[in-house]
Structure formats: structure tokens, C-alpha cells
């Protein structure tokens, strides 16, 4: 049996920042992780209330859009990023 090393990073959320300095710090943190780790898996977590009938989907849709747009060459790697991404909907 082969042992694997697993690292978990709780990254700052998109649109969860406290101004421009935090956005820059978050971007640098993402850059360092993405440039150092060979195989990444992403889990985007959403409050289940976003998807209740009658409530706007805009906030969740914006988070998903910002996540995918944060990759430099998204047009070329969209399929790989999507395959490495899981969406978790939770009721807190």
C-alpha cells in the first residue's frame, strides 16, 4: 500500500475580502499554492440557502465565475479545472 501526503488549505473565499489589501494578499496566497503543488483539488462550498426557491442565485454564480476567472489561461485549462473541482452545498 502506498502512502500519500495530503495537505488541506482553507483558502479565503472570493468576494469575502476586506478591501484591496486583502484581495492582494489572497491572490498571492493562491499564486503560491498553485505554483508549488502539482495536483490540486478544489472544493467550493455554498450555503444551501442560495438555492432555495425564490432566492437569487447571483451570489453563488458570481463566486463560481470569479473562481474560474482567477486562472490565467482558463480557456485552455477549463476542462481540467472543472474536473478538479467539487461543489459542496450545505445547510448550516
Protein backbone atom coordinates (compact mmCIF):
# COMPACT_ATOMS: atom_id res chain seq x y z
CA UNK A 1 0.00 0.00 0.00
CA UNK A 2 1.37 3.40 -0.97
CA UNK A 3 1.11 6.26 1.50
CA UNK A 4 0.13 9.68 0.19
CA UNK A 5 0.83 13.06 1.66
CA UNK A 6 -2.25 15.23 1.82
CA UNK A 7 -2.31 18.94 2.52
CA UNK A 8 -5.52 20.86 3.06
CA UNK A 9 -5.70 24.61 2.60
CA UNK A 10 -8.66 26.68 3.64
CA UNK A 11 -8.34 29.49 1.14
CA UNK A 12 -10.06 32.83 1.51
CA UNK A 13 -13.35 32.99 -0.30
CA UNK A 14 -13.98 35.05 -3.37
CA UNK A 15 -15.89 38.23 -2.52
CA UNK A 16 -15.10 37.61 1.17
CA UNK A 17 -12.34 40.19 1.40
CA UNK A 18 -11.98 43.32 3.46
CA UNK A 19 -10.68 45.65 0.79
CA UNK A 20 -7.88 45.87 -1.75
CA UNK A 21 -5.03 44.80 0.56
CA UNK A 22 -6.82 41.58 1.46
CA UNK A 23 -7.56 40.89 -2.21
CA UNK A 24 -3.83 41.24 -2.99
CA UNK A 25 -2.85 39.02 -0.05
CA UNK A 26 -5.40 36.37 -1.09
CA UNK A 27 -4.16 36.49 -4.68
CA UNK A 28 -0.56 35.99 -3.57
CA UNK A 29 -1.60 33.07 -1.33
CA UNK A 30 -3.41 31.42 -4.26
CA UNK A 31 -0.44 32.03 -6.56
CA UNK A 32 1.97 30.37 -4.11
CA UNK A 33 -0.23 27.31 -3.68
CA UNK A 34 -0.94 26.93 -7.40
CA UNK A 35 2.74 27.30 -8.33
CA UNK A 36 4.06 24.82 -5.73
CA UNK A 37 1.52 21.98 -5.73
CA UNK A 38 1.39 19.55 -8.68
CA UNK A 39 -2.09 18.07 -8.19
CA UNK A 40 -4.83 20.25 -6.77
CA UNK A 41 -8.45 19.53 -5.97
CA UNK A 42 -10.84 22.37 -5.28
CA UNK A 43 -13.96 22.30 -3.14
CA UNK A 44 -16.26 25.29 -3.48
CA UNK A 45 -18.67 25.41 -0.56
CA UNK A 46 -22.02 27.17 -0.70
CA UNK A 47 -24.73 27.82 1.83
CA UNK A 48 -27.78 25.80 0.79
CA UNK A 49 -29.93 28.88 1.26
CA UNK A 50 -28.51 30.24 -2.00
CA UNK A 51 -30.54 27.66 -3.88
CA UNK A 52 -33.91 27.85 -2.17
CA UNK A 53 -36.83 28.69 -4.39
CA UNK A 54 -37.35 32.39 -4.85
CA UNK A 55 -33.87 33.44 -3.76
CA UNK A 56 -31.40 34.89 -6.26
CA UNK A 57 -28.61 32.62 -7.45
CA UNK A 58 -26.42 35.66 -8.18
CA UNK A 59 -24.07 35.37 -5.20
CA UNK A 60 -23.23 31.71 -5.86
CA UNK A 61 -22.97 32.32 -9.61
CA UNK A 62 -20.58 35.23 -9.03
CA UNK A 63 -18.38 33.08 -6.77
CA UNK A 64 -18.19 30.34 -9.40
CA UNK A 65 -17.41 32.87 -12.14
CA UNK A 66 -14.71 34.58 -10.07
CA UNK A 67 -13.16 31.22 -9.20
CA UNK A 68 -12.84 30.13 -12.84
CA UNK A 69 -11.72 33.58 -14.00
CA UNK A 70 -8.91 33.59 -11.43
CA UNK A 71 -6.94 31.17 -13.60
CA UNK A 72 -4.58 32.77 -16.10
CA UNK A 73 -5.28 30.59 -19.15
CA UNK A 74 -8.78 29.44 -18.27
CA UNK A 75 -9.79 29.00 -21.91
CA UNK A 76 -7.10 26.33 -22.36
CA UNK A 77 -7.45 24.60 -18.97
CA UNK A 78 -11.17 24.96 -18.18
CA UNK A 79 -11.84 21.22 -18.66
CA UNK A 80 -9.04 20.23 -16.25
CA UNK A 81 -10.05 22.81 -13.63
CA UNK A 82 -13.68 21.73 -13.81
CA UNK A 83 -12.65 18.08 -13.40
CA UNK A 84 -10.59 19.02 -10.31
CA UNK A 85 -13.45 20.97 -8.72
CA UNK A 86 -16.21 19.77 -6.42
CA UNK A 87 -19.20 21.82 -5.36
CA UNK A 88 -20.48 21.32 -1.81
CA UNK A 89 -23.89 22.66 -0.88
CA UNK A 90 -24.52 22.68 2.83
CA UNK A 91 -27.29 23.72 5.16
CA UNK A 92 -25.64 25.38 8.13
